[in-house]
Amino acid sequence: MSSEYKDFLKKKFFGKKYSRDYDRWVEDPFTAFVERRQNKGFLELSKAKPGMKVLDIGAGTGKYEILYSRLMQKKGIVVALDFSDSMLSQIRKNIKKHKLEGFVFLVKGDGEHLPFKQGAFDEVLTMNTLQYIPNDRKFLAEINRVLKNGGNAVIDAISLTELRLGHNLALFWDKARKAFGKKPLGVYRQFYTTESIKHRIQEHGLKVKKQIGVILVLPWITKEHVGVTLPSPHHIFTLFPKLFPIMEKVEEKIKNIPLLQGLCTHLMVQAGKK
């Protein structure tokens, strides 16, 4: 990851305001829906048990550390790694709030250069992070390196198929044409199909055991994707909250069907070390 891009993410995208507002967003009906679906996917794919050592790469404000504390009964170790000082500061507050001292430990670091020994962890988690990594091969190789033999990895990725739907819709706006040139889309650097994420993960010594699609919404078009402000499904779902349970039921039907998983915003993969 270039220093220029990393500095941009730290200061402009994952700065103090973002980290401060991150946890408050779940109070919004649409964001609560997103959180609920991602949490359900995580709980389905995680194998965390009491006494394990877990690494969370791109820990954000520490919401998965809270879930791990329930799965592991606060017995074991969870290392929350993030390169943003603002995010780490927010995690510290959540550690204190949820009494996770002695269970969650913070490390400032880069997912492409993990400061841990080979085979150090029983489980590695990375949520809402892979899309920001320019060198995803290096990132995934590092996950494989620090994971124990027989260990479990839970990897979340942005769906390219779903983004393409948004891309086509965005072409109705002239400004979006410029944003979708040869340049990267907004701050995101990686997108995957149901097959490409499986192939990429297995290139680096991991074996995909299960893959699901999560967060079925309308074509996802936001400033982060295209670099310009465009309508997003947030507005529709907020106006019509009765759509949430309908979308959840549909998602449950299609999440395990490879041909339809790409309609979801995120692809979540469970992988083991070969």
Protein backbone atom coordinates (compact mmCIF):
# COMPACT_ATOMS: atom_id res chain seq x y z
CA MET A 1 0.00 0.00 0.00
CA SER A 2 1.53 3.31 -1.04
CA SER A 3 2.22 5.85 1.70
CA GLU A 4 0.15 8.46 -0.17
CA TYR A 5 -2.92 6.22 -0.34
CA LYS A 6 -2.47 5.10 3.27
CA ASP A 7 -2.23 8.72 4.46
CA PHE A 8 -5.38 9.58 2.51
CA LEU A 9 -7.31 6.76 4.16
CA LYS A 10 -6.04 7.67 7.62
CA LYS A 11 -6.73 11.40 7.41
CA LYS A 12 -9.70 11.73 5.06
CA PHE A 13 -11.57 8.44 5.18
CA PHE A 14 -10.84 6.82 8.56
CA GLY A 15 -10.20 10.03 10.48
CA LYS A 16 -11.63 11.23 13.78
CA LYS A 17 -15.09 12.07 12.46
CA TYR A 18 -15.51 8.70 10.73
CA SER A 19 -14.41 6.69 13.75
CA ARG A 20 -16.55 8.83 16.09
CA ASP A 21 -19.68 8.41 13.96
CA TYR A 22 -19.09 4.76 13.00
CA ASP A 23 -20.82 3.19 16.00
CA ARG A 24 -23.68 5.71 15.93
CA TRP A 25 -24.61 4.72 12.38
CA VAL A 26 -26.15 1.48 13.62
CA GLU A 27 -28.99 3.56 15.03
CA ASP A 28 -30.03 4.23 11.43
CA PRO A 29 -32.54 1.58 10.18
CA PHE A 30 -30.62 0.85 6.98
CA THR A 31 -27.25 0.59 8.71
CA ALA A 32 -28.78 -1.60 11.41
CA PHE A 33 -29.99 -3.93 8.64
CA VAL A 34 -26.48 -4.07 7.16
CA GLU A 35 -24.92 -4.74 10.57
CA ARG A 36 -27.44 -7.47 11.32
CA ARG A 37 -26.74 -9.30 8.07
CA GLN A 38 -22.96 -9.05 8.41
CA ASN A 39 -23.08 -10.21 12.02
CA LYS A 40 -25.21 -13.20 11.05
CA GLY A 41 -22.74 -14.11 8.31
CA PHE A 42 -19.83 -13.79 10.72
CA LEU A 43 -21.48 -16.02 13.32
CA GLU A 44 -22.19 -18.61 10.63
CA LEU A 45 -18.56 -18.78 9.46
CA SER A 46 -16.55 -18.21 12.64
CA LYS A 47 -15.23 -21.19 14.60
CA ALA A 48 -14.06 -19.20 17.60
CA LYS A 49 -14.08 -21.03 20.94
CA PRO A 50 -12.87 -20.21 24.45
CA GLY A 51 -9.09 -20.29 24.75
CA MET A 52 -8.34 -19.46 21.11
CA LYS A 53 -6.04 -16.77 19.74
CA VAL A 54 -7.80 -14.61 17.16
CA LEU A 55 -6.60 -11.80 14.88
CA ASP A 56 -9.00 -9.17 13.51
CA ILE A 57 -7.38 -7.26 10.62
CA GLY A 58 -8.94 -3.85 10.06
CA ALA A 59 -10.79 -4.00 13.36
CA GLY A 60 -12.43 -0.58 12.96
CA THR A 61 -14.18 0.39 16.19
CA GLY A 62 -14.13 -3.16 17.58
CA LYS A 63 -17.66 -4.41 16.95
CA TYR A 64 -16.44 -7.93 16.16
CA GLU A 65 -14.39 -7.97 19.33
CA ILE A 66 -17.68 -7.67 21.19
CA LEU A 67 -19.08 -10.66 19.28
CA TYR A 68 -15.89 -12.62 19.93
CA SER A 69 -16.22 -11.92 23.66
CA ARG A 70 -19.57 -13.74 23.58
CA LEU A 71 -18.37 -16.65 21.45
CA MET A 72 -15.20 -17.11 23.51
CA GLN A 73 -16.67 -16.17 26.90
CA LYS A 74 -13.76 -13.71 27.25
CA LYS A 75 -11.37 -16.66 27.50
CA GLY A 76 -8.44 -16.44 25.10
CA ILE A 77 -6.97 -13.53 23.17
CA VAL A 78 -8.29 -11.30 20.40
CA VAL A 79 -5.76 -9.02 18.71
CA ALA A 80 -7.45 -6.03 17.05
CA LEU A 81 -5.19 -4.62 14.34
CA ASP A 82 -5.80 -1.33 12.55
CA PHE A 83 -3.57 1.32 10.98
CA SER A 84 -5.81 4.23 11.97
CA ASP A 85 -5.06 5.98 15.25
CA SER A 86 -8.64 7.28 15.31
CA MET A 87 -10.08 3.79 15.00
CA LEU A 88 -7.75 2.41 17.66
CA SER A 89 -8.78 5.23 19.97
CA GLN A 90 -12.43 4.29 19.46
CA ILE A 91 -11.70 0.61 20.13
CA ARG A 92 -10.08 1.57 23.45
CA LYS A 93 -13.33 3.24 24.47
CA ASN A 94 -15.34 0.17 23.50
CA ILE A 95 -12.94 -2.14 25.36
CA LYS A 96 -13.56 -0.13 28.50
CA LYS A 97 -17.31 0.14 27.88
CA HIS A 98 -17.75 -3.61 27.40
CA LYS A 99 -15.12 -4.63 29.97
CA LEU A 100 -12.86 -6.40 27.49
CA GLU A 101 -9.56 -5.57 29.21
CA GLY A 102 -7.27 -8.60 29.26
CA PHE A 103 -9.20 -10.16 26.37
CA VAL A 104 -8.74 -7.67 23.51
CA PHE A 105 -5.29 -6.28 22.70
CA LEU A 106 -4.63 -3.46 20.24
CA VAL A 107 -1.89 -3.41 17.62
CA LYS A 108 -1.25 -0.63 15.13
CA GLY A 109 -0.25 -2.23 11.87
CA ASP A 110 -0.70 -2.89 8.17
CA GLY A 111 -2.44 -6.01 6.88
CA GLU A 112 0.17 -6.40 4.15
CA HIS A 113 2.96 -6.62 6.75
CA LEU A 114 1.60 -8.37 9.83
CA PRO A 115 3.94 -8.12 12.86
CA PHE A 116 3.30 -11.69 14.03
CA LYS A 117 5.05 -15.05 13.87
CA GLN A 118 4.03 -17.82 11.51
CA GLY A 119 1.08 -19.85 12.76
CA ALA A 120 0.31 -17.48 15.63
CA PHE A 121 -3.51 -17.55 15.41
CA ASP A 122 -6.35 -20.08 15.48
CA GLU A 123 -8.64 -17.74 13.55
CA VAL A 124 -8.12 -14.66 11.40
CA LEU A 125 -10.97 -12.28 10.57
CA THR A 126 -11.03 -9.41 8.10
CA MET A 127 -14.28 -7.51 7.56
CA ASN A 128 -14.86 -4.42 5.38
CA THR A 129 -11.13 -4.19 4.72
CA LEU A 130 -10.04 -6.15 1.64
CA GLN A 131 -11.58 -3.59 -0.73
CA TYR A 132 -9.06 -0.98 0.45
CA ILE A 133 -5.97 -3.18 -0.12
CA PRO A 134 -4.10 -2.50 -3.40
CA ASN A 135 -1.98 -5.68 -3.07
CA ASP A 136 -4.57 -8.27 -2.11
CA ARG A 137 -2.18 -11.13 -2.91
CA LYS A 138 0.25 -9.94 -0.25
CA PHE A 139 -2.60 -9.40 2.19
CA LEU A 140 -4.00 -12.92 1.73
CA ALA A 141 -0.52 -14.47 1.86
CA GLU A 142 -0.01 -12.80 5.23
CA ILE A 143 -3.30 -14.23 6.51
CA ASN A 144 -2.13 -17.69 5.47
CA ARG A 145 1.26 -17.16 7.12
CA VAL A 146 -0.03 -16.20 10.57
CA LEU A 147 -2.83 -18.79 10.59
CA LYS A 148 -2.16 -22.11 12.32
CA ASN A 149 -2.45 -25.39 10.43
CA GLY A 150 -6.09 -26.35 10.71
CA GLY A 151 -7.00 -22.76 11.54
CA ASN A 152 -10.03 -20.83 10.30
CA ALA A 153 -10.16 -17.60 8.28
CA VAL A 154 -13.26 -15.45 7.73
CA ILE A 155 -12.76 -13.09 4.80
CA ASP A 156 -15.23 -10.44 3.62
CA ALA A 157 -15.09 -8.95 0.10
CA ILE A 158 -17.07 -6.49 -2.02
CA SER A 159 -19.11 -8.07 -4.84
CA LEU A 160 -18.17 -6.94 -8.35
CA THR A 161 -21.39 -8.26 -9.89
CA GLU A 162 -23.52 -6.11 -7.60
CA LEU A 163 -21.30 -3.12 -8.22
CA ARG A 164 -21.70 -3.53 -11.99
CA LEU A 165 -25.45 -3.17 -11.57
CA GLY A 166 -24.80 0.10 -9.80
CA HIS A 167 -22.27 1.06 -12.46
CA ASN A 168 -24.79 0.64 -15.26
CA LEU A 169 -27.36 2.67 -13.37
CA ALA A 170 -24.76 5.33 -12.63
CA LEU A 171 -24.13 5.84 -16.33
CA PHE A 172 -27.35 7.82 -16.44
CA TRP A 173 -25.38 10.55 -14.74
CA ASP A 174 -22.73 12.26 -16.86
CA LYS A 175 -20.40 12.78 -13.93
CA ALA A 176 -20.31 9.05 -13.25
CA ARG A 177 -18.87 8.43 -16.72
CA LYS A 178 -15.69 10.24 -15.73
CA ALA A 179 -15.50 8.49 -12.37
CA PHE A 180 -15.67 5.07 -14.04
CA GLY A 181 -12.66 5.51 -16.28
CA LYS A 182 -9.40 3.64 -15.87
CA LYS A 183 -8.92 5.14 -12.43
CA PRO A 184 -9.87 3.15 -9.28
CA LEU A 185 -13.45 3.61 -8.15
CA GLY A 186 -13.39 6.10 -5.29
CA VAL A 187 -11.35 4.74 -2.37
CA TYR A 188 -12.06 1.08 -3.19
CA ARG A 189 -9.30 -0.97 -4.83
CA GLN A 190 -10.63 -4.54 -5.01
CA PHE A 191 -13.89 -6.13 -6.18
CA TYR A 192 -14.62 -9.81 -6.71
CA THR A 193 -16.99 -12.20 -8.41
CA THR A 194 -18.09 -15.37 -6.64
CA GLU A 195 -15.39 -17.28 -8.53
CA SER A 196 -12.56 -14.75 -8.43
CA ILE A 197 -12.59 -14.38 -4.63
CA LYS A 198 -12.44 -18.17 -4.23
CA HIS A 199 -9.58 -18.45 -6.73
CA ARG A 200 -7.62 -15.58 -5.19
CA ILE A 201 -7.89 -16.97 -1.66
CA GLN A 202 -6.84 -20.46 -2.75
CA GLU A 203 -3.79 -19.08 -4.56
CA HIS A 204 -2.20 -18.52 -1.18
CA GLY A 205 -2.44 -21.85 0.60
CA LEU A 206 -5.97 -21.51 1.94
CA LYS A 207 -8.86 -23.81 1.06
CA VAL A 208 -12.33 -22.32 0.71
CA LYS A 209 -14.83 -24.30 2.79
CA LYS A 210 -17.92 -22.14 2.50
CA GLN A 211 -19.00 -18.96 0.75
CA ILE A 212 -22.15 -16.90 1.24
CA GLY A 213 -23.62 -13.67 -0.07
CA VAL A 214 -24.73 -11.07 2.46
CA ILE A 215 -26.57 -7.72 2.38
CA LEU A 216 -28.95 -7.96 -0.54
CA VAL A 217 -29.89 -4.38 -1.44
CA LEU A 218 -30.50 -2.31 -4.54
CA PRO A 219 -27.47 -1.47 -6.73
CA TRP A 220 -25.02 0.14 -4.34
CA ILE A 221 -24.05 3.57 -5.62
CA THR A 222 -22.31 5.88 -3.20
CA LYS A 223 -19.59 8.48 -3.34
CA GLU A 224 -17.09 5.91 -2.03
CA HIS A 225 -17.69 3.74 -5.08
CA VAL A 226 -17.74 6.23 -7.91
CA GLY A 227 -16.24 9.44 -6.61
CA VAL A 228 -19.43 11.46 -7.08
CA THR A 229 -22.58 11.80 -5.01
CA LEU A 230 -25.35 9.59 -6.41
CA PRO A 231 -28.58 8.10 -5.05
CA SER A 232 -28.10 5.08 -2.78
CA PRO A 233 -30.50 2.38 -1.52
CA HIS A 234 -30.21 3.96 1.92
CA HIS A 235 -32.89 6.51 1.06
CA ILE A 236 -35.41 3.96 -0.22
CA PHE A 237 -34.96 1.56 2.70
CA THR A 238 -35.24 4.37 5.22
CA LEU A 239 -38.53 5.50 3.67
CA PHE A 240 -39.90 1.95 3.45
CA PRO A 241 -38.63 -0.01 6.49
CA LYS A 242 -41.02 -2.88 5.75
CA LEU A 243 -38.65 -3.84 2.93
CA PHE A 244 -36.03 -5.03 5.45
CA PRO A 245 -37.64 -8.35 6.44
CA ILE A 246 -38.50 -9.05 2.80
CA MET A 247 -34.90 -8.53 1.70
CA GLU A 248 -33.64 -10.68 4.57
CA LYS A 249 -35.90 -13.56 3.55
CA VAL A 250 -34.79 -13.31 -0.09
CA GLU A 251 -31.14 -13.15 0.96
CA GLU A 252 -31.50 -16.31 3.06
CA LYS A 253 -32.81 -18.09 -0.04
CA ILE A 254 -29.98 -17.05 -2.38
CA LYS A 255 -26.94 -16.66 -0.11
CA ASN A 256 -25.67 -20.20 -0.77
CA ILE A 257 -26.35 -20.20 -4.53
CA PRO A 258 -23.12 -19.21 -6.38
CA LEU A 259 -24.92 -17.80 -9.42
CA LEU A 260 -26.98 -15.46 -7.22
CA GLN A 261 -24.51 -14.58 -4.46
CA GLY A 262 -23.12 -11.77 -6.59
CA LEU A 263 -26.41 -9.89 -6.25
CA CYS A 264 -25.44 -9.25 -2.64
CA THR A 265 -23.15 -6.37 -1.72
CA HIS A 266 -20.66 -8.56 0.15
CA LEU A 267 -19.22 -12.03 -0.32
CA MET A 268 -18.12 -13.75 2.88
CA VAL A 269 -15.75 -16.70 2.76
CA GLN A 270 -14.74 -19.29 5.31
CA ALA A 271 -11.31 -20.75 4.52
CA GLY A 272 -9.00 -23.19 6.25
CA LYS A 273 -5.26 -23.69 6.01
CA LYS A 274 -4.38 -26.56 3.66
